[in-house]
Amino acid sequence: MTQQAQAYKYALIAVFFWPTVATVFKITLRHITPLELLFYSSLSSLFILGAILIYQKKWYEAFVYLRSKPFLILILGGIVKRKGKMYQ
């Protein structure tokens, strides 16, 4: 499969799942708080990314990068605390 065909495949998958995510989030918000939803979605993303890194045997590269630039990671994650307030 060429790179262009693979790009089209991934684009179609993203277009297919995009409205599904919004619907699931709306239904889920009837049962849990927005903060819980954020926590569970972030946790599931972390597990999926971790599984991909382990499968590709690149977890050590991610660990080294995380250790070398921890402040940048915190800024990009929106977890910087200033003057007692959390910024996102």
Protein backbone atom coordinates (compact mmCIF):
# COMPACT_ATOMS: atom_id res chain seq x y z
CA MET A 1 0.00 0.00 0.00
CA THR A 2 1.40 3.39 -0.96
CA GLN A 3 1.73 6.17 1.56
CA GLN A 4 -0.99 8.17 -0.17
CA ALA A 5 -3.44 5.25 0.01
CA GLN A 6 -2.59 4.72 3.67
CA ALA A 7 -3.17 8.44 4.35
CA TYR A 8 -6.60 8.22 2.70
CA LYS A 9 -7.44 5.15 4.77
CA TYR A 10 -6.55 6.91 8.05
CA ALA A 11 -8.45 10.04 7.01
CA LEU A 12 -11.59 8.02 6.28
CA ILE A 13 -11.32 6.23 9.62
CA ALA A 14 -11.02 9.58 11.42
CA VAL A 15 -14.01 11.02 9.53
CA PHE A 16 -16.05 7.92 10.37
CA PHE A 17 -15.31 8.03 14.12
CA TRP A 18 -15.41 11.81 14.66
CA PRO A 19 -19.21 12.19 15.09
CA THR A 20 -19.36 8.98 17.11
CA VAL A 21 -17.07 10.42 19.78
CA ALA A 22 -19.25 13.51 20.24
CA THR A 23 -22.38 11.40 20.63
CA VAL A 24 -20.74 9.08 23.13
CA PHE A 25 -19.45 12.02 25.17
CA LYS A 26 -22.91 13.60 25.25
CA ILE A 27 -24.54 10.38 26.43
CA THR A 28 -21.77 9.77 28.97
CA LEU A 29 -22.16 13.25 30.46
CA ARG A 30 -25.65 12.25 31.57
CA HIS A 31 -24.09 9.73 33.96
CA ILE A 32 -20.77 11.22 35.10
CA THR A 33 -19.34 14.69 35.67
CA PRO A 34 -17.23 16.47 33.03
CA LEU A 35 -14.16 16.12 35.27
CA GLU A 36 -14.64 12.34 35.48
CA LEU A 37 -15.08 12.17 31.72
CA LEU A 38 -11.87 14.11 31.22
CA PHE A 39 -10.06 11.79 33.64
CA TYR A 40 -11.29 8.58 31.98
CA SER A 41 -10.64 9.81 28.44
CA SER A 42 -7.13 10.95 29.38
CA LEU A 43 -6.45 7.66 31.15
CA SER A 44 -7.62 5.61 28.18
CA SER A 45 -5.48 7.73 25.83
CA LEU A 46 -2.48 7.17 28.08
CA PHE A 47 -3.01 3.39 28.05
CA ILE A 48 -3.46 3.28 24.27
CA LEU A 49 -0.38 5.42 23.65
CA GLY A 50 1.58 3.29 26.12
CA ALA A 51 0.51 0.10 24.36
CA ILE A 52 1.55 1.53 20.99
CA LEU A 53 4.94 2.60 22.38
CA ILE A 54 5.52 -0.83 23.89
CA TYR A 55 4.46 -2.57 20.66
CA GLN A 56 6.81 -0.40 18.58
CA LYS A 57 9.57 -0.78 21.19
CA LYS A 58 9.89 3.01 21.49
CA TRP A 59 8.86 3.40 25.13
CA TYR A 60 12.46 4.09 26.15
CA GLU A 61 12.72 6.97 23.67
CA ALA A 62 9.54 8.50 25.09
CA PHE A 63 10.84 8.03 28.65
CA VAL A 64 14.17 9.71 27.81
CA TYR A 65 12.37 12.65 26.16
CA LEU A 66 10.01 12.98 29.11
CA ARG A 67 12.94 13.08 31.54
CA SER A 68 14.89 15.59 29.44
CA LYS A 69 12.06 18.15 29.05
CA PRO A 70 9.58 17.75 31.92
CA PHE A 71 8.57 21.43 32.05
CA LEU A 72 7.74 21.47 28.34
CA ILE A 73 5.58 18.39 28.80
CA LEU A 74 3.70 20.10 31.63
CA ILE A 75 3.14 23.23 29.54
CA LEU A 76 1.88 21.23 26.57
CA GLY A 77 -0.37 19.25 28.88
CA GLY A 78 -1.79 22.41 30.38
CA ILE A 79 -0.88 21.56 33.95
CA VAL A 80 1.06 24.67 34.84
CA LYS A 81 0.17 26.15 38.20
CA ARG A 82 0.57 29.88 38.71
CA LYS A 83 -0.58 31.99 41.64
CA GLY A 84 -2.72 29.18 43.02
CA LYS A 85 -4.80 28.71 39.87
CA MET A 86 -4.68 25.92 37.34
CA TYR A 87 -4.40 26.97 33.69
CA GLN A 88 -5.40 24.85 30.73
